[in-house]
Each structure stands twice: as structure tokens, then as C-alpha cells.
Amino acid sequence: KMIFLLGVENKNYEENLEFIEKINNKINEKYQGLSKGIYKKGGVGVNGIYNQDFSNRTILIEIGGYENSIVEVLNTSLAFSECFIEVLNEENG
């Protein structure tokens, strides 16, 4: 499994969200259940930026956990990469 983290306290929040939603939707189309979705973080005592203020295309992804093998994490990374490239190609024609 994987999850996208989005800081909601930066100037690029809405543009980053739009970009992440495109990738997440593509992953859900091709690999249903692989993504846990988008976790929006902000508020008191929380880093609501995560360096996502540097660009409107900055994303933070968590893949796998302690119970996953390196092969599972690699497979998820490859699936993400495939969907990420497809979204970039769709955006750039």
C-alpha cells in the first residue's frame, strides 16, 4: 500500500492537491486498492508544508511499512512510477 501526504499550509496547496489527485486516480484505475488515498496534514503542532511550497508539483509518498518485503515495496514503486509517467504525458500532450 501507499499513501500521499499533503501539507495544507503552503502556497501551492491547491495545485499540489490537483496534481496528486490525478496520480491517485490513475493508480486507483490501474491498481485498485493500492493507494490509501491522500492524507491532508495541517494545524497546530503539525508541519503543514513538507517542502511542498517549493513547487506546485511537489509530492510526498509513503510506500509500505515494516511488515512489507523489499519486493513488495519495489512493486508498488514501479506501479507508482508507471502511473506518474502516464499523468505527466497526459498533461504535456
N, C-alpha and C. Protein backbone atom coordinates (compact mmCIF):
# COMPACT_ATOMS: atom_id res chain seq x y z
N LYS A 1 0.84 -1.19 0.00
CA LYS A 1 0.00 0.00 0.00
C LYS A 1 0.87 1.24 0.00
N MET A 2 0.26 2.33 -0.41
CA MET A 2 0.94 3.62 -0.42
C MET A 2 -0.07 4.70 -0.05
N ILE A 3 0.44 5.83 0.39
CA ILE A 3 -0.42 6.96 0.73
C ILE A 3 0.32 8.25 0.37
N PHE A 4 -0.43 9.21 -0.10
CA PHE A 4 0.12 10.54 -0.39
C PHE A 4 -0.10 11.42 0.83
N LEU A 5 0.91 12.20 1.20
CA LEU A 5 0.77 13.18 2.27
C LEU A 5 0.79 14.56 1.65
N LEU A 6 -0.13 15.39 2.09
CA LEU A 6 -0.25 16.74 1.54
C LEU A 6 -0.30 17.74 2.67
N GLY A 7 0.66 18.65 2.68
CA GLY A 7 0.64 19.75 3.63
C GLY A 7 -0.33 20.81 3.16
N VAL A 8 -1.26 21.16 4.01
CA VAL A 8 -2.31 22.11 3.61
C VAL A 8 -1.99 23.54 4.01
N GLU A 9 -0.77 23.77 4.47
CA GLU A 9 -0.41 25.11 4.93
C GLU A 9 0.71 25.72 4.08
N ASN A 10 0.66 25.48 2.79
CA ASN A 10 1.65 26.09 1.90
C ASN A 10 0.96 26.74 0.72
N LYS A 11 1.67 27.62 0.07
CA LYS A 11 1.09 28.42 -1.01
C LYS A 11 0.68 27.59 -2.22
N ASN A 12 1.25 26.40 -2.38
CA ASN A 12 0.94 25.55 -3.53
C ASN A 12 -0.07 24.46 -3.20
N TYR A 13 -0.72 24.57 -2.06
CA TYR A 13 -1.60 23.51 -1.58
C TYR A 13 -2.60 23.05 -2.64
N GLU A 14 -3.35 23.96 -3.23
CA GLU A 14 -4.41 23.56 -4.15
C GLU A 14 -3.86 22.96 -5.44
N GLU A 15 -2.77 23.52 -5.95
CA GLU A 15 -2.16 22.97 -7.16
C GLU A 15 -1.54 21.60 -6.89
N ASN A 16 -0.89 21.45 -5.75
CA ASN A 16 -0.34 20.15 -5.38
C ASN A 16 -1.45 19.12 -5.23
N LEU A 17 -2.55 19.51 -4.60
CA LEU A 17 -3.69 18.61 -4.43
C LEU A 17 -4.22 18.15 -5.78
N GLU A 18 -4.38 19.06 -6.70
CA GLU A 18 -4.88 18.72 -8.03
C GLU A 18 -3.96 17.70 -8.72
N PHE A 19 -2.66 17.94 -8.63
CA PHE A 19 -1.69 17.04 -9.24
C PHE A 19 -1.71 15.66 -8.57
N ILE A 20 -1.74 15.65 -7.24
CA ILE A 20 -1.76 14.38 -6.52
C ILE A 20 -3.05 13.61 -6.81
N GLU A 21 -4.17 14.31 -6.92
CA GLU A 21 -5.43 13.64 -7.22
C GLU A 21 -5.38 12.93 -8.57
N LYS A 22 -4.75 13.55 -9.55
CA LYS A 22 -4.61 12.93 -10.88
C LYS A 22 -3.83 11.62 -10.77
N ILE A 23 -2.73 11.66 -10.03
CA ILE A 23 -1.91 10.46 -9.87
C ILE A 23 -2.66 9.39 -9.09
N ASN A 24 -3.30 9.80 -8.00
CA ASN A 24 -4.05 8.86 -7.17
C ASN A 24 -5.18 8.22 -7.96
N ASN A 25 -5.89 9.01 -8.76
CA ASN A 25 -6.97 8.47 -9.59
C ASN A 25 -6.44 7.45 -10.59
N LYS A 26 -5.30 7.75 -11.19
CA LYS A 26 -4.70 6.83 -12.16
C LYS A 26 -4.32 5.52 -11.47
N ILE A 27 -3.73 5.61 -10.28
CA ILE A 27 -3.37 4.41 -9.54
C ILE A 27 -4.62 3.59 -9.21
N ASN A 28 -5.69 4.25 -8.79
CA ASN A 28 -6.93 3.54 -8.48
C ASN A 28 -7.54 2.88 -9.70
N GLU A 29 -7.38 3.50 -10.88
CA GLU A 29 -7.88 2.90 -12.12
C GLU A 29 -7.14 1.62 -12.45
N LYS A 30 -5.82 1.66 -12.32
CA LYS A 30 -4.98 0.55 -12.77
C LYS A 30 -4.70 -0.49 -11.69
N TYR A 31 -4.64 -0.06 -10.45
CA TYR A 31 -4.26 -0.93 -9.33
C TYR A 31 -5.19 -0.69 -8.14
N GLN A 32 -6.43 -1.07 -8.30
CA GLN A 32 -7.44 -0.79 -7.29
C GLN A 32 -6.99 -1.30 -5.92
N GLY A 33 -7.09 -0.42 -4.92
CA GLY A 33 -6.75 -0.78 -3.55
C GLY A 33 -5.30 -0.56 -3.18
N LEU A 34 -4.45 -0.19 -4.16
CA LEU A 34 -3.04 0.01 -3.86
C LEU A 34 -2.81 1.28 -3.05
N SER A 35 -3.55 2.34 -3.38
CA SER A 35 -3.38 3.61 -2.68
C SER A 35 -4.40 3.74 -1.55
N LYS A 36 -3.92 4.22 -0.42
CA LYS A 36 -4.82 4.52 0.70
C LYS A 36 -5.41 5.92 0.57
N GLY A 37 -5.02 6.65 -0.49
CA GLY A 37 -5.58 7.96 -0.73
C GLY A 37 -4.63 9.09 -0.38
N ILE A 38 -5.22 10.23 -0.07
CA ILE A 38 -4.46 11.45 0.21
C ILE A 38 -4.74 11.86 1.64
N TYR A 39 -3.69 11.95 2.43
CA TYR A 39 -3.80 12.35 3.83
C TYR A 39 -3.37 13.80 3.93
N LYS A 40 -4.31 14.66 4.24
CA LYS A 40 -4.04 16.10 4.34
C LYS A 40 -3.64 16.42 5.77
N LYS A 41 -2.49 17.09 5.90
CA LYS A 41 -1.98 17.40 7.23
C LYS A 41 -1.80 18.90 7.40
N GLY A 42 -2.23 19.39 8.53
CA GLY A 42 -2.07 20.79 8.88
C GLY A 42 -2.59 21.02 10.28
N GLY A 43 -2.44 22.24 10.74
CA GLY A 43 -2.95 22.60 12.05
C GLY A 43 -1.85 22.81 13.07
N VAL A 44 -2.25 23.08 14.27
CA VAL A 44 -1.33 23.38 15.36
C VAL A 44 -0.44 22.16 15.64
N GLY A 45 0.86 22.40 15.73
CA GLY A 45 1.80 21.35 16.07
C GLY A 45 2.12 20.39 14.94
N VAL A 46 1.69 20.71 13.73
CA VAL A 46 1.92 19.82 12.58
C VAL A 46 2.67 20.60 11.51
N ASN A 47 3.64 19.94 10.88
CA ASN A 47 4.32 20.55 9.75
C ASN A 47 3.38 20.46 8.56
N GLY A 48 2.69 21.54 8.26
CA GLY A 48 1.73 21.53 7.17
C GLY A 48 2.30 22.00 5.86
N ILE A 49 3.63 21.92 5.71
CA ILE A 49 4.27 22.38 4.48
C ILE A 49 5.00 21.24 3.77
N TYR A 50 5.84 20.49 4.47
CA TYR A 50 6.58 19.36 3.92
C TYR A 50 7.36 19.71 2.65
N ASN A 51 7.93 20.90 2.62
CA ASN A 51 8.69 21.39 1.47
C ASN A 51 7.85 21.46 0.20
N GLN A 52 6.54 21.33 0.32
CA GLN A 52 5.68 21.37 -0.85
C GLN A 52 5.43 22.81 -1.31
N ASP A 53 6.04 23.75 -0.64
CA ASP A 53 5.94 25.14 -1.05
C ASP A 53 6.99 25.47 -2.12
N PHE A 54 7.90 24.55 -2.40
CA PHE A 54 8.94 24.79 -3.40
C PHE A 54 8.41 24.72 -4.83
N SER A 55 7.36 23.94 -5.04
CA SER A 55 6.83 23.74 -6.39
C SER A 55 5.38 23.30 -6.29
N ASN A 56 4.64 23.56 -7.36
CA ASN A 56 3.25 23.09 -7.40
C ASN A 56 3.17 21.64 -7.89
N ARG A 57 4.30 20.99 -7.97
CA ARG A 57 4.38 19.58 -8.35
C ARG A 57 5.18 18.77 -7.35
N THR A 58 5.26 19.25 -6.11
CA THR A 58 6.00 18.54 -5.08
C THR A 58 5.05 17.59 -4.36
N ILE A 59 5.45 16.32 -4.28
CA ILE A 59 4.60 15.32 -3.63
C ILE A 59 5.41 14.55 -2.60
N LEU A 60 4.73 14.04 -1.60
CA LEU A 60 5.32 13.21 -0.56
C LEU A 60 4.52 11.91 -0.51
N ILE A 61 5.23 10.80 -0.63
CA ILE A 61 4.59 9.50 -0.69
C ILE A 61 5.20 8.59 0.37
N GLU A 62 4.36 7.85 1.04
CA GLU A 62 4.83 6.78 1.92
C GLU A 62 4.44 5.46 1.27
N ILE A 63 5.43 4.59 1.13
CA ILE A 63 5.19 3.29 0.49
C ILE A 63 5.55 2.18 1.46
N GLY A 64 4.61 1.29 1.67
CA GLY A 64 4.85 0.12 2.51
C GLY A 64 5.01 0.46 3.98
N GLY A 65 5.41 -0.53 4.71
CA GLY A 65 5.62 -0.40 6.14
C GLY A 65 6.52 -1.51 6.62
N TYR A 66 6.67 -1.60 7.92
CA TYR A 66 7.60 -2.58 8.49
C TYR A 66 7.23 -4.02 8.13
N GLU A 67 5.97 -4.27 7.84
CA GLU A 67 5.54 -5.64 7.55
C GLU A 67 5.72 -6.02 6.08
N ASN A 68 6.14 -5.08 5.23
CA ASN A 68 6.31 -5.35 3.81
C ASN A 68 7.73 -5.78 3.48
N SER A 69 7.81 -6.64 2.48
CA SER A 69 9.13 -7.05 1.98
C SER A 69 9.64 -5.99 1.01
N ILE A 70 10.92 -6.03 0.73
CA ILE A 70 11.52 -5.09 -0.22
C ILE A 70 10.93 -5.31 -1.62
N VAL A 71 10.57 -6.52 -1.95
CA VAL A 71 9.97 -6.81 -3.24
C VAL A 71 8.59 -6.14 -3.36
N GLU A 72 7.82 -6.20 -2.29
CA GLU A 72 6.50 -5.54 -2.30
C GLU A 72 6.65 -4.03 -2.46
N VAL A 73 7.60 -3.45 -1.75
CA VAL A 73 7.83 -2.01 -1.86
C VAL A 73 8.31 -1.66 -3.27
N LEU A 74 9.17 -2.47 -3.84
CA LEU A 74 9.65 -2.25 -5.20
C LEU A 74 8.49 -2.33 -6.20
N ASN A 75 7.64 -3.33 -6.05
CA ASN A 75 6.49 -3.46 -6.96
C ASN A 75 5.56 -2.26 -6.87
N THR A 76 5.33 -1.77 -5.67
CA THR A 76 4.50 -0.58 -5.50
C THR A 76 5.18 0.64 -6.13
N SER A 77 6.47 0.74 -5.96
CA SER A 77 7.23 1.86 -6.55
C SER A 77 7.14 1.82 -8.07
N LEU A 78 7.22 0.65 -8.65
CA LEU A 78 7.10 0.52 -10.10
C LEU A 78 5.70 0.88 -10.59
N ALA A 79 4.69 0.44 -9.86
CA ALA A 79 3.31 0.79 -10.22
C ALA A 79 3.10 2.29 -10.13
N PHE A 80 3.60 2.91 -9.06
CA PHE A 80 3.51 4.36 -8.93
C PHE A 80 4.21 5.05 -10.11
N SER A 81 5.42 4.61 -10.42
CA SER A 81 6.20 5.23 -11.50
C SER A 81 5.45 5.18 -12.82
N GLU A 82 4.85 4.05 -13.11
CA GLU A 82 4.07 3.89 -14.34
C GLU A 82 2.94 4.92 -14.40
N CYS A 83 2.20 5.04 -13.32
CA CYS A 83 1.06 5.96 -13.28
C CYS A 83 1.53 7.42 -13.30
N PHE A 84 2.61 7.70 -12.61
CA PHE A 84 3.17 9.05 -12.59
C PHE A 84 3.57 9.49 -13.99
N ILE A 85 4.24 8.62 -14.73
CA ILE A 85 4.65 8.95 -16.10
C ILE A 85 3.44 9.14 -16.99
N GLU A 86 2.41 8.33 -16.83
CA GLU A 86 1.20 8.48 -17.64
C GLU A 86 0.54 9.84 -17.38
N VAL A 87 0.47 10.24 -16.12
CA VAL A 87 -0.13 11.54 -15.79
C VAL A 87 0.69 12.67 -16.40
N LEU A 88 2.01 12.60 -16.29
CA LEU A 88 2.86 13.63 -16.89
C LEU A 88 2.68 13.69 -18.40
N ASN A 89 2.61 12.53 -19.05
CA ASN A 89 2.40 12.50 -20.50
C ASN A 89 1.05 13.08 -20.89
N GLU A 90 0.01 12.80 -20.11
CA GLU A 90 -1.32 13.34 -20.37
C GLU A 90 -1.32 14.86 -20.23
N GLU A 91 -0.60 15.36 -19.24
CA GLU A 91 -0.55 16.81 -19.03
C GLU A 91 0.24 17.52 -20.12
N ASN A 92 1.26 16.88 -20.62
CA ASN A 92 2.16 17.52 -21.58
C ASN A 92 1.85 17.16 -23.04
N GLY A 93 0.80 16.38 -23.23
CA GLY A 93 0.39 16.05 -24.59
C GLY A 93 1.27 15.08 -25.20
